[in-house]
Amino acid sequence: MTTIMSTSPTRKELSHDRIVEVAARSIRRAGFRGVGVADIMKEAGLTHGGFYAHFASRDALLVEALQRAGQDNLASISEAVERQLRKGGTRFAALIQAYLHDVHIDRSEDGCVIAALGSEMTRQDNAVRDEARRRVAAMVQMVRSALPEGADPAQAEVVTATMVGALQLARTLGGKAGRDILAQTRQVLIERHDLSTHTH
């Protein structure tokens, strides 16, 4: 039996990863229609002609970019939740505070891909829509796993929809009005769903 040694990524793998990374930020910043192959390749420091050595189509890139953006979102939210937990409180409250943080109003390219692209997802081809559904399912699962013990698991979808919608409205309004929406939503969700708030 041959032992496979771990090797460093090839130049092509590194280039592929760079393209996906750039596209993942771009779709959150400019939407699906704002992602042009030429612009992505230029920002990645590669030639336009090399695109099809990495992807069969623009949609294939969008699928991977959605996947990367979603995974990055979940990882950054998880890190923020852990930081919040060290200050005290419940996992649910920490998740709400991390996701509905004011910083996400102006930095859509680093924020939730669902909030950034929700209204555009239904207009995409099937492969992109399928990945969008997986991103939503992963977000719902994260919320479900953070619900307090004894809470109705079916509330995860409602909480997720409320979080995403609040962030979209906050970004639309911006400024104090946007921050107020996030603050009010944080308060309502924690008071309604975090059972520990009813024990004091």
N, C-alpha and C. Protein backbone atom coordinates (compact mmCIF):
# COMPACT_ATOMS: atom_id res chain seq x y z
N MET A 1 0.85 -1.19 0.00
CA MET A 1 0.00 0.00 0.00
C MET A 1 0.89 1.25 0.00
N THR A 2 0.56 2.19 -0.84
CA THR A 2 1.36 3.40 -0.96
C THR A 2 0.90 4.44 0.06
N THR A 3 1.85 5.05 0.74
CA THR A 3 1.51 6.10 1.69
C THR A 3 1.52 7.44 0.97
N ILE A 4 0.42 8.17 1.13
CA ILE A 4 0.32 9.49 0.51
C ILE A 4 0.91 10.52 1.47
N MET A 5 1.94 11.19 1.01
CA MET A 5 2.56 12.22 1.84
C MET A 5 1.81 13.53 1.63
N SER A 6 1.62 14.29 2.72
CA SER A 6 0.98 15.60 2.56
C SER A 6 1.97 16.53 1.87
N THR A 7 1.49 17.24 0.89
CA THR A 7 2.35 18.15 0.15
C THR A 7 1.75 19.55 0.18
N SER A 8 2.59 20.52 -0.08
CA SER A 8 2.11 21.89 -0.15
C SER A 8 1.20 22.05 -1.36
N PRO A 9 0.25 23.00 -1.29
CA PRO A 9 -0.65 23.22 -2.43
C PRO A 9 0.14 23.58 -3.68
N THR A 10 -0.35 23.13 -4.81
CA THR A 10 0.29 23.48 -6.08
C THR A 10 0.00 24.93 -6.42
N ARG A 11 0.72 25.44 -7.39
CA ARG A 11 0.47 26.82 -7.82
C ARG A 11 -0.96 26.97 -8.33
N LYS A 12 -1.44 25.95 -9.05
CA LYS A 12 -2.81 26.02 -9.57
C LYS A 12 -3.82 26.02 -8.42
N GLU A 13 -3.57 25.20 -7.39
CA GLU A 13 -4.48 25.16 -6.24
C GLU A 13 -4.49 26.49 -5.50
N LEU A 14 -3.33 27.10 -5.37
CA LEU A 14 -3.24 28.41 -4.71
C LEU A 14 -3.98 29.47 -5.51
N SER A 15 -3.82 29.43 -6.83
CA SER A 15 -4.52 30.39 -7.70
C SER A 15 -6.02 30.19 -7.61
N HIS A 16 -6.45 28.94 -7.64
CA HIS A 16 -7.88 28.61 -7.55
C HIS A 16 -8.45 29.17 -6.24
N ASP A 17 -7.74 28.93 -5.15
CA ASP A 17 -8.19 29.40 -3.85
C ASP A 17 -8.28 30.92 -3.81
N ARG A 18 -7.31 31.58 -4.44
CA ARG A 18 -7.30 33.05 -4.47
C ARG A 18 -8.52 33.57 -5.24
N ILE A 19 -8.83 32.94 -6.36
CA ILE A 19 -9.99 33.37 -7.16
C ILE A 19 -11.28 33.23 -6.34
N VAL A 20 -11.43 32.10 -5.66
CA VAL A 20 -12.63 31.86 -4.86
C VAL A 20 -12.71 32.87 -3.71
N GLU A 21 -11.58 33.15 -3.10
CA GLU A 21 -11.54 34.12 -1.99
C GLU A 21 -11.98 35.50 -2.46
N VAL A 22 -11.47 35.94 -3.60
CA VAL A 22 -11.84 37.24 -4.15
C VAL A 22 -13.33 37.27 -4.51
N ALA A 23 -13.80 36.21 -5.14
CA ALA A 23 -15.20 36.14 -5.55
C ALA A 23 -16.14 36.10 -4.34
N ALA A 24 -15.73 35.43 -3.27
CA ALA A 24 -16.55 35.34 -2.06
C ALA A 24 -16.77 36.72 -1.45
N ARG A 25 -15.74 37.56 -1.48
CA ARG A 25 -15.90 38.93 -0.98
C ARG A 25 -16.73 39.76 -1.96
N SER A 26 -16.47 39.57 -3.25
CA SER A 26 -17.13 40.38 -4.27
C SER A 26 -18.64 40.17 -4.32
N ILE A 27 -19.09 38.91 -4.19
CA ILE A 27 -20.53 38.68 -4.26
C ILE A 27 -21.25 39.33 -3.08
N ARG A 28 -20.59 39.39 -1.93
CA ARG A 28 -21.22 40.04 -0.78
C ARG A 28 -21.19 41.56 -0.91
N ARG A 29 -20.20 42.06 -1.59
CA ARG A 29 -20.07 43.51 -1.75
C ARG A 29 -20.93 44.04 -2.90
N ALA A 30 -20.96 43.31 -4.02
CA ALA A 30 -21.59 43.84 -5.23
C ALA A 30 -22.74 42.99 -5.77
N GLY A 31 -23.04 41.85 -5.14
CA GLY A 31 -24.12 40.99 -5.62
C GLY A 31 -23.64 40.08 -6.73
N PHE A 32 -24.49 39.14 -7.11
CA PHE A 32 -24.12 38.19 -8.17
C PHE A 32 -23.83 38.89 -9.48
N ARG A 33 -24.64 39.86 -9.83
CA ARG A 33 -24.47 40.54 -11.12
C ARG A 33 -23.23 41.41 -11.13
N GLY A 34 -22.76 41.75 -9.94
CA GLY A 34 -21.57 42.60 -9.86
C GLY A 34 -20.27 41.82 -9.94
N VAL A 35 -20.39 40.50 -10.11
CA VAL A 35 -19.20 39.66 -10.19
C VAL A 35 -18.89 39.35 -11.65
N GLY A 36 -17.95 40.06 -12.21
CA GLY A 36 -17.52 39.80 -13.58
C GLY A 36 -16.25 38.97 -13.56
N VAL A 37 -16.16 38.00 -14.45
CA VAL A 37 -14.99 37.13 -14.48
C VAL A 37 -13.70 37.92 -14.66
N ALA A 38 -13.70 38.88 -15.57
CA ALA A 38 -12.49 39.66 -15.84
C ALA A 38 -12.04 40.42 -14.60
N ASP A 39 -13.00 41.03 -13.89
CA ASP A 39 -12.65 41.80 -12.70
C ASP A 39 -12.12 40.90 -11.58
N ILE A 40 -12.76 39.73 -11.41
CA ILE A 40 -12.32 38.80 -10.38
C ILE A 40 -10.89 38.34 -10.66
N MET A 41 -10.64 37.97 -11.90
CA MET A 41 -9.30 37.49 -12.25
C MET A 41 -8.25 38.58 -12.08
N LYS A 42 -8.62 39.80 -12.44
CA LYS A 42 -7.68 40.92 -12.30
C LYS A 42 -7.36 41.16 -10.82
N GLU A 43 -8.40 41.16 -9.97
CA GLU A 43 -8.19 41.38 -8.54
C GLU A 43 -7.38 40.24 -7.92
N ALA A 44 -7.55 39.04 -8.49
CA ALA A 44 -6.78 37.89 -7.98
C ALA A 44 -5.35 37.87 -8.51
N GLY A 45 -5.04 38.82 -9.40
CA GLY A 45 -3.69 38.91 -9.95
C GLY A 45 -3.41 37.89 -11.04
N LEU A 46 -4.48 37.48 -11.74
CA LEU A 46 -4.36 36.46 -12.79
C LEU A 46 -4.94 36.97 -14.09
N THR A 47 -4.62 36.29 -15.18
CA THR A 47 -5.13 36.71 -16.48
C THR A 47 -6.53 36.17 -16.71
N HIS A 48 -7.32 36.95 -17.43
CA HIS A 48 -8.70 36.56 -17.74
C HIS A 48 -8.74 35.22 -18.45
N GLY A 49 -7.80 35.00 -19.33
CA GLY A 49 -7.79 33.77 -20.12
C GLY A 49 -7.58 32.50 -19.31
N GLY A 50 -7.07 32.63 -18.10
CA GLY A 50 -6.82 31.46 -17.29
C GLY A 50 -8.02 30.97 -16.50
N PHE A 51 -9.14 31.69 -16.60
CA PHE A 51 -10.31 31.36 -15.79
C PHE A 51 -10.79 29.93 -16.02
N TYR A 52 -10.88 29.51 -17.28
CA TYR A 52 -11.48 28.20 -17.59
C TYR A 52 -10.55 27.03 -17.30
N ALA A 53 -9.32 27.33 -16.87
CA ALA A 53 -8.46 26.26 -16.36
C ALA A 53 -8.88 25.89 -14.94
N HIS A 54 -9.70 26.76 -14.33
CA HIS A 54 -10.12 26.55 -12.95
C HIS A 54 -11.61 26.23 -12.80
N PHE A 55 -12.44 26.79 -13.68
CA PHE A 55 -13.89 26.65 -13.54
C PHE A 55 -14.53 26.37 -14.90
N ALA A 56 -15.54 25.50 -14.88
CA ALA A 56 -16.24 25.18 -16.12
C ALA A 56 -17.12 26.32 -16.59
N SER A 57 -17.54 27.18 -15.66
CA SER A 57 -18.44 28.28 -16.00
C SER A 57 -18.42 29.32 -14.89
N ARG A 58 -19.01 30.47 -15.17
CA ARG A 58 -19.15 31.50 -14.14
C ARG A 58 -19.98 30.98 -12.97
N ASP A 59 -21.05 30.22 -13.26
CA ASP A 59 -21.88 29.67 -12.19
C ASP A 59 -21.09 28.73 -11.29
N ALA A 60 -20.16 27.98 -11.87
CA ALA A 60 -19.33 27.08 -11.05
C ALA A 60 -18.51 27.89 -10.05
N LEU A 61 -18.02 29.06 -10.50
CA LEU A 61 -17.30 29.95 -9.58
C LEU A 61 -18.25 30.48 -8.51
N LEU A 62 -19.46 30.88 -8.90
CA LEU A 62 -20.41 31.42 -7.94
C LEU A 62 -20.76 30.40 -6.86
N VAL A 63 -20.89 29.14 -7.25
CA VAL A 63 -21.20 28.09 -6.27
C VAL A 63 -20.07 28.00 -5.24
N GLU A 64 -18.84 27.97 -5.72
CA GLU A 64 -17.71 27.87 -4.78
C GLU A 64 -17.56 29.13 -3.95
N ALA A 65 -17.85 30.29 -4.55
CA ALA A 65 -17.75 31.55 -3.82
C ALA A 65 -18.81 31.60 -2.72
N LEU A 66 -20.02 31.14 -3.02
CA LEU A 66 -21.09 31.08 -2.01
C LEU A 66 -20.69 30.17 -0.86
N GLN A 67 -20.15 29.01 -1.24
CA GLN A 67 -19.74 28.04 -0.24
C GLN A 67 -18.66 28.62 0.66
N ARG A 68 -17.65 29.24 0.06
CA ARG A 68 -16.55 29.84 0.83
C ARG A 68 -17.08 30.95 1.73
N ALA A 69 -17.92 31.84 1.17
CA ALA A 69 -18.45 32.94 1.96
C ALA A 69 -19.25 32.43 3.15
N GLY A 70 -20.07 31.40 2.91
CA GLY A 70 -20.88 30.84 3.99
C GLY A 70 -20.02 30.20 5.07
N GLN A 71 -19.01 29.46 4.66
CA GLN A 71 -18.12 28.82 5.64
C GLN A 71 -17.35 29.86 6.43
N ASP A 72 -16.89 30.91 5.74
CA ASP A 72 -16.17 31.98 6.43
C ASP A 72 -17.08 32.68 7.44
N ASN A 73 -18.34 32.92 7.04
CA ASN A 73 -19.31 33.56 7.93
C ASN A 73 -19.51 32.74 9.19
N LEU A 74 -19.77 31.44 9.02
CA LEU A 74 -20.03 30.59 10.17
C LEU A 74 -18.81 30.52 11.09
N ALA A 75 -17.62 30.49 10.49
CA ALA A 75 -16.40 30.44 11.30
C ALA A 75 -16.22 31.73 12.10
N SER A 76 -16.44 32.87 11.45
CA SER A 76 -16.24 34.15 12.14
C SER A 76 -17.30 34.36 13.21
N ILE A 77 -18.53 33.94 12.93
CA ILE A 77 -19.59 34.06 13.95
C ILE A 77 -19.27 33.15 15.13
N SER A 78 -18.81 31.93 14.85
CA SER A 78 -18.46 31.00 15.93
C SER A 78 -17.36 31.58 16.82
N GLU A 79 -16.36 32.20 16.20
CA GLU A 79 -15.28 32.82 16.97
C GLU A 79 -15.82 33.95 17.83
N ALA A 80 -16.71 34.77 17.25
CA ALA A 80 -17.29 35.89 17.99
C ALA A 80 -18.15 35.38 19.15
N VAL A 81 -18.87 34.29 18.91
CA VAL A 81 -19.70 33.70 19.98
C VAL A 81 -18.81 33.24 21.13
N GLU A 82 -17.71 32.57 20.81
CA GLU A 82 -16.81 32.09 21.86
C GLU A 82 -16.23 33.25 22.66
N ARG A 83 -15.89 34.34 21.97
CA ARG A 83 -15.37 35.53 22.68
C ARG A 83 -16.44 36.10 23.61
N GLN A 84 -17.67 36.16 23.11
CA GLN A 84 -18.78 36.68 23.90
C GLN A 84 -19.06 35.80 25.12
N LEU A 85 -18.97 34.48 24.92
CA LEU A 85 -19.25 33.55 26.01
C LEU A 85 -18.26 33.71 27.16
N ARG A 86 -17.02 34.08 26.83
CA ARG A 86 -16.02 34.27 27.88
C ARG A 86 -16.38 35.45 28.79
N LYS A 87 -17.26 36.34 28.29
CA LYS A 87 -17.71 37.48 29.10
C LYS A 87 -18.93 37.11 29.94
N GLY A 88 -19.47 35.92 29.70
CA GLY A 88 -20.65 35.47 30.43
C GLY A 88 -21.88 35.44 29.55
N GLY A 89 -22.96 34.85 30.06
CA GLY A 89 -24.19 34.76 29.29
C GLY A 89 -24.32 33.43 28.59
N THR A 90 -25.38 33.28 27.83
CA THR A 90 -25.68 32.02 27.16
C THR A 90 -25.18 32.01 25.72
N ARG A 91 -25.10 30.82 25.16
CA ARG A 91 -24.68 30.70 23.75
C ARG A 91 -25.67 31.40 22.83
N PHE A 92 -26.95 31.29 23.13
CA PHE A 92 -27.96 31.93 22.28
C PHE A 92 -27.77 33.45 22.27
N ALA A 93 -27.67 34.05 23.45
CA ALA A 93 -27.47 35.50 23.52
C ALA A 93 -26.19 35.91 22.81
N ALA A 94 -25.14 35.11 22.97
CA ALA A 94 -23.86 35.42 22.33
C ALA A 94 -23.99 35.39 20.81
N LEU A 95 -24.74 34.41 20.29
CA LEU A 95 -24.95 34.32 18.85
C LEU A 95 -25.71 35.53 18.32
N ILE A 96 -26.77 35.90 19.01
CA ILE A 96 -27.57 37.06 18.58
C ILE A 96 -26.72 38.32 18.58
N GLN A 97 -25.94 38.51 19.64
CA GLN A 97 -25.11 39.71 19.74
C GLN A 97 -24.01 39.73 18.70
N ALA A 98 -23.46 38.55 18.38
CA ALA A 98 -22.39 38.48 17.38
C ALA A 98 -22.92 38.76 15.98
N TYR A 99 -24.04 38.14 15.63
CA TYR A 99 -24.58 38.30 14.28
C TYR A 99 -25.14 39.71 14.07
N LEU A 100 -25.84 40.22 15.06
CA LEU A 100 -26.49 41.53 14.92
C LEU A 100 -25.62 42.64 15.51
N HIS A 101 -24.32 42.51 15.33
CA HIS A 101 -23.38 43.54 15.79
C HIS A 101 -23.38 44.70 14.80
N ASP A 102 -23.22 45.90 15.32
CA ASP A 102 -23.25 47.10 14.46
C ASP A 102 -22.21 47.07 13.34
N VAL A 103 -21.09 46.39 13.57
CA VAL A 103 -20.02 46.37 12.58
C VAL A 103 -20.49 45.78 11.24
N HIS A 104 -21.53 44.93 11.29
CA HIS A 104 -21.99 44.27 10.06
C HIS A 104 -22.84 45.16 9.16
N ILE A 105 -23.17 46.35 9.63
CA ILE A 105 -23.98 47.25 8.81
C ILE A 105 -23.18 47.72 7.60
N ASP A 106 -21.95 48.13 7.82
CA ASP A 106 -21.16 48.74 6.75
C ASP A 106 -20.17 47.80 6.07
N ARG A 107 -19.99 46.60 6.61
CA ARG A 107 -18.97 45.72 6.03
C ARG A 107 -19.60 44.46 5.46
N SER A 108 -20.43 44.65 4.45
CA SER A 108 -21.14 43.51 3.87
C SER A 108 -20.20 42.49 3.25
N GLU A 109 -19.04 42.93 2.75
CA GLU A 109 -18.13 41.98 2.09
C GLU A 109 -17.53 40.99 3.08
N ASP A 110 -17.58 41.31 4.38
CA ASP A 110 -17.07 40.39 5.40
C ASP A 110 -18.20 39.74 6.20
N GLY A 111 -19.43 40.08 5.86
CA GLY A 111 -20.56 39.63 6.67
C GLY A 111 -21.34 38.48 6.07
N CYS A 112 -22.56 38.34 6.55
CA CYS A 112 -23.40 37.21 6.17
C CYS A 112 -23.76 37.21 4.69
N VAL A 113 -23.45 36.13 4.02
CA VAL A 113 -23.73 36.02 2.59
C VAL A 113 -25.23 35.93 2.33
N ILE A 114 -25.99 35.38 3.27
CA ILE A 114 -27.44 35.26 3.10
C ILE A 114 -28.08 36.65 3.15
N ALA A 115 -27.67 37.46 4.12
CA ALA A 115 -28.20 38.81 4.21
C ALA A 115 -27.79 39.65 3.00
N ALA A 116 -26.58 39.42 2.51
CA ALA A 116 -26.09 40.19 1.36
C ALA A 116 -26.80 39.84 0.07
N LEU A 117 -27.18 38.56 -0.08
CA LEU A 117 -27.65 38.08 -1.38
C LEU A 117 -29.05 37.47 -1.37
N GLY A 118 -29.73 37.53 -0.23
CA GLY A 118 -31.02 36.85 -0.10
C GLY A 118 -32.00 37.10 -1.22
N SER A 119 -32.18 38.36 -1.60
CA SER A 119 -33.17 38.68 -2.63
C SER A 119 -32.74 38.26 -4.03
N GLU A 120 -31.43 38.00 -4.21
CA GLU A 120 -30.92 37.62 -5.53
C GLU A 120 -30.85 36.11 -5.73
N MET A 121 -30.89 35.36 -4.64
CA MET A 121 -30.64 33.92 -4.73
C MET A 121 -31.67 33.20 -5.59
N THR A 122 -32.91 33.63 -5.55
CA THR A 122 -33.96 32.94 -6.31
C THR A 122 -33.85 33.18 -7.82
N ARG A 123 -33.04 34.15 -8.22
CA ARG A 123 -32.90 34.46 -9.65
C ARG A 123 -31.74 33.73 -10.31
N GLN A 124 -31.04 32.91 -9.54
CA GLN A 124 -29.85 32.24 -10.07
C GLN A 124 -30.20 30.86 -10.64
N ASP A 125 -29.26 30.31 -11.39
CA ASP A 125 -29.45 28.97 -11.94
C ASP A 125 -29.46 27.94 -10.80
N ASN A 126 -29.92 26.73 -11.12
CA ASN A 126 -30.17 25.72 -10.09
C ASN A 126 -28.97 25.41 -9.21
N ALA A 127 -27.78 25.31 -9.80
CA ALA A 127 -26.61 24.95 -9.00
C ALA A 127 -26.32 26.01 -7.94
N VAL A 128 -26.47 27.27 -8.32
CA VAL A 128 -26.22 28.37 -7.38
C VAL A 128 -27.33 28.40 -6.32
N ARG A 129 -28.56 28.19 -6.74
CA ARG A 129 -29.68 28.17 -5.78
C ARG A 129 -29.54 27.02 -4.80
N ASP A 130 -29.08 25.88 -5.28
CA ASP A 130 -28.89 24.72 -4.40
C ASP A 130 -27.86 25.04 -3.32
N GLU A 131 -26.77 25.69 -3.72
CA GLU A 131 -25.75 26.07 -2.73
C GLU A 131 -26.30 27.12 -1.77
N ALA A 132 -27.12 28.03 -2.29
CA ALA A 132 -27.75 29.03 -1.42
C ALA A 132 -28.62 28.36 -0.37
N ARG A 133 -29.35 27.34 -0.77
CA ARG A 133 -30.19 26.60 0.19
C ARG A 133 -29.33 25.93 1.25
N ARG A 134 -28.18 25.41 0.84
CA ARG A 134 -27.28 24.78 1.82
C ARG A 134 -26.74 25.82 2.80
N ARG A 135 -26.49 27.01 2.32
CA ARG A 135 -26.01 28.08 3.21
C ARG A 135 -27.09 28.44 4.23
N VAL A 136 -28.33 28.54 3.77
CA VAL A 136 -29.44 28.85 4.69
C VAL A 136 -29.60 27.72 5.71
N ALA A 137 -29.55 26.47 5.25
CA ALA A 137 -29.69 25.33 6.15
C ALA A 137 -28.59 25.33 7.21
N ALA A 138 -27.36 25.67 6.82
CA ALA A 138 -26.25 25.70 7.77
C ALA A 138 -26.46 26.80 8.81
N MET A 139 -26.99 27.93 8.37
CA MET A 139 -27.27 29.02 9.30
C MET A 139 -28.37 28.63 10.28
N VAL A 140 -29.43 28.02 9.78
CA VAL A 140 -30.52 27.57 10.65
C VAL A 140 -30.00 26.57 11.67
N GLN A 141 -29.13 25.67 11.23
CA GLN A 141 -28.57 24.66 12.14
C GLN A 141 -27.73 25.31 13.22
N MET A 142 -26.97 26.34 12.86
CA MET A 142 -26.17 27.04 13.87
C MET A 142 -27.09 27.66 14.93
N VAL A 143 -28.18 28.28 14.47
CA VAL A 143 -29.13 28.88 15.42
C VAL A 143 -29.77 27.79 16.27
N ARG A 144 -30.17 26.69 15.64
CA ARG A 144 -30.83 25.60 16.37
C ARG A 144 -29.92 25.06 17.47
N SER A 145 -28.65 24.91 17.16
CA SER A 145 -27.72 24.36 18.15
C SER A 145 -27.45 25.33 19.30
N ALA A 146 -27.78 26.61 19.08
CA ALA A 146 -27.56 27.62 20.13
C ALA A 146 -28.82 27.87 20.97
N LEU A 147 -29.97 27.34 20.54
CA LEU A 147 -31.20 27.56 21.30
C LEU A 147 -31.06 26.99 22.70
N PRO A 148 -31.60 27.68 23.68
CA PRO A 148 -31.51 27.17 25.06
C PRO A 148 -32.21 25.82 25.20
N GLU A 149 -31.74 25.02 26.13
CA GLU A 149 -32.37 23.73 26.40
C GLU A 149 -33.83 23.94 26.76
N GLY A 150 -34.70 23.17 26.14
CA GLY A 150 -36.13 23.30 26.40
C GLY A 150 -36.85 24.18 25.39
N ALA A 151 -36.09 24.92 24.56
CA ALA A 151 -36.72 25.76 23.54
C ALA A 151 -37.21 24.88 22.39
N ASP A 152 -38.22 25.35 21.69
CA ASP A 152 -38.77 24.63 20.55
C ASP A 152 -37.79 24.72 19.38
N PRO A 153 -37.25 23.58 18.90
CA PRO A 153 -36.27 23.61 17.80
C PRO A 153 -36.83 24.26 16.53
N ALA A 154 -38.15 24.22 16.36
CA ALA A 154 -38.76 24.81 15.17
C ALA A 154 -38.59 26.33 15.15
N GLN A 155 -38.26 26.91 16.30
CA GLN A 155 -38.07 28.36 16.34
C GLN A 155 -36.78 28.80 15.64
N ALA A 156 -35.91 27.84 15.32
CA ALA A 156 -34.64 28.21 14.70
C ALA A 156 -34.85 28.92 13.36
N GLU A 157 -35.82 28.45 12.57
CA GLU A 157 -36.09 29.09 11.28
C GLU A 157 -36.59 30.52 11.47
N VAL A 158 -37.46 30.71 12.46
CA VAL A 158 -38.02 32.04 12.73
C VAL A 158 -36.92 32.99 13.20
N VAL A 159 -36.09 32.51 14.11
CA VAL A 159 -34.99 33.35 14.62
C VAL A 159 -34.02 33.71 13.49
N THR A 160 -33.68 32.72 12.67
CA THR A 160 -32.77 32.98 11.54
C THR A 160 -33.35 34.03 10.60
N ALA A 161 -34.62 33.87 10.24
CA ALA A 161 -35.27 34.83 9.33
C ALA A 161 -35.30 36.23 9.94
N THR A 162 -35.53 36.30 11.24
CA THR A 162 -35.56 37.60 11.92
C THR A 162 -34.18 38.25 11.92
N MET A 163 -33.16 37.46 12.19
CA MET A 163 -31.79 37.98 12.20
C MET A 163 -31.39 38.51 10.83
N VAL A 164 -31.63 37.71 9.80
CA VAL A 164 -31.24 38.09 8.45
C VAL A 164 -32.01 39.33 8.00
N GLY A 165 -33.31 39.33 8.25
CA GLY A 165 -34.14 40.47 7.85
C GLY A 165 -33.74 41.75 8.56
N ALA A 166 -33.44 41.63 9.85
CA ALA A 166 -33.02 42.82 10.61
C ALA A 166 -31.73 43.40 10.07
N LEU A 167 -30.78 42.51 9.72
CA LEU A 167 -29.50 42.99 9.19
C LEU A 167 -29.71 43.66 7.83
N GLN A 168 -30.57 43.09 6.99
CA GLN A 168 -30.85 43.70 5.69
C GLN A 168 -31.45 45.09 5.85
N LEU A 169 -32.43 45.23 6.75
CA LEU A 169 -33.05 46.53 6.98
C LEU A 169 -32.07 47.53 7.58
N ALA A 170 -31.24 47.05 8.49
CA ALA A 170 -30.24 47.93 9.12
C ALA A 170 -29.27 48.46 8.08
N ARG A 171 -28.87 47.61 7.14
CA ARG A 171 -27.97 48.05 6.07
C ARG A 171 -28.65 49.05 5.15
N THR A 172 -29.93 48.84 4.90
CA THR A 172 -30.67 49.75 4.03
C THR A 172 -30.77 51.14 4.66
N LEU A 173 -31.09 51.18 5.95
CA LEU A 173 -31.26 52.46 6.64
C LEU A 173 -29.93 53.11 7.00
N GLY A 174 -28.99 52.30 7.44
CA GLY A 174 -27.68 52.81 7.83
C GLY A 174 -27.75 53.72 9.05
N GLY A 175 -26.59 54.17 9.49
CA GLY A 175 -26.51 55.14 10.58
C GLY A 175 -27.23 54.73 11.84
N LYS A 176 -27.75 55.74 12.55
CA LYS A 176 -28.43 55.49 13.82
C LYS A 176 -29.67 54.63 13.65
N ALA A 177 -30.42 54.86 12.57
CA ALA A 177 -31.64 54.08 12.34
C ALA A 177 -31.31 52.60 12.19
N GLY A 178 -30.22 52.30 11.48
CA GLY A 178 -29.79 50.92 11.31
C GLY A 178 -29.35 50.30 12.62
N ARG A 179 -28.58 51.06 13.38
CA ARG A 179 -28.11 50.55 14.67
C ARG A 179 -29.28 50.32 15.63
N ASP A 180 -30.28 51.19 15.56
CA ASP A 180 -31.46 51.04 16.42
C ASP A 180 -32.21 49.74 16.11
N ILE A 181 -32.34 49.42 14.81
CA ILE A 181 -33.02 48.17 14.44
C ILE A 181 -32.28 46.97 15.00
N LEU A 182 -30.96 46.97 14.88
CA LEU A 182 -30.18 45.85 15.41
C LEU A 182 -30.33 45.75 16.93
N ALA A 183 -30.27 46.89 17.61
CA ALA A 183 -30.39 46.88 19.07
C ALA A 183 -31.75 46.35 19.51
N GLN A 184 -32.81 46.82 18.84
CA GLN A 184 -34.16 46.38 19.21
C GLN A 184 -34.35 44.90 18.91
N THR A 185 -33.81 44.45 17.80
CA THR A 185 -33.95 43.04 17.44
C THR A 185 -33.18 42.14 18.40
N ARG A 186 -31.97 42.56 18.76
CA ARG A 186 -31.19 41.81 19.76
C ARG A 186 -32.00 41.65 21.04
N GLN A 187 -32.56 42.76 21.51
CA GLN A 187 -33.30 42.74 22.77
C GLN A 187 -34.52 41.82 22.69
N VAL A 188 -35.30 41.95 21.61
CA VAL A 188 -36.53 41.15 21.47
C VAL A 188 -36.20 39.66 21.37
N LEU A 189 -35.22 39.30 20.54
CA LEU A 189 -34.89 37.88 20.36
C LEU A 189 -34.39 37.26 21.66
N ILE A 190 -33.53 37.97 22.37
CA ILE A 190 -32.99 37.42 23.61
C ILE A 190 -34.09 37.31 24.67
N GLU A 191 -34.93 38.33 24.78
CA GLU A 191 -36.01 38.28 25.77
C GLU A 191 -37.02 37.18 25.45
N ARG A 192 -37.26 36.96 24.17
CA ARG A 192 -38.30 36.00 23.77
C ARG A 192 -37.82 34.57 23.82
N HIS A 193 -36.56 34.33 23.46
CA HIS A 193 -36.11 32.95 23.27
C HIS A 193 -35.08 32.46 24.28
N ASP A 194 -34.41 33.39 24.97
CA ASP A 194 -33.40 32.95 25.92
C ASP A 194 -34.06 32.75 27.28
N LEU A 195 -34.26 31.49 27.64
CA LEU A 195 -35.04 31.16 28.84
C LEU A 195 -34.38 31.69 30.10
N SER A 196 -33.06 31.90 30.09
CA SER A 196 -32.38 32.38 31.29
C SER A 196 -32.83 33.78 31.67
N THR A 197 -33.35 34.55 30.68
CA THR A 197 -33.77 35.92 30.98
C THR A 197 -35.07 35.92 31.77
N HIS A 198 -35.74 34.78 31.85
CA HIS A 198 -37.02 34.71 32.57
C HIS A 198 -36.86 34.12 33.96
N THR A 199 -35.61 33.86 34.36
CA THR A 199 -35.39 33.23 35.65
C THR A 199 -34.87 34.21 36.69
N HIS A 200 -34.71 35.47 36.25
CA HIS A 200 -34.17 36.46 37.20
C HIS A 200 -35.26 37.44 37.59
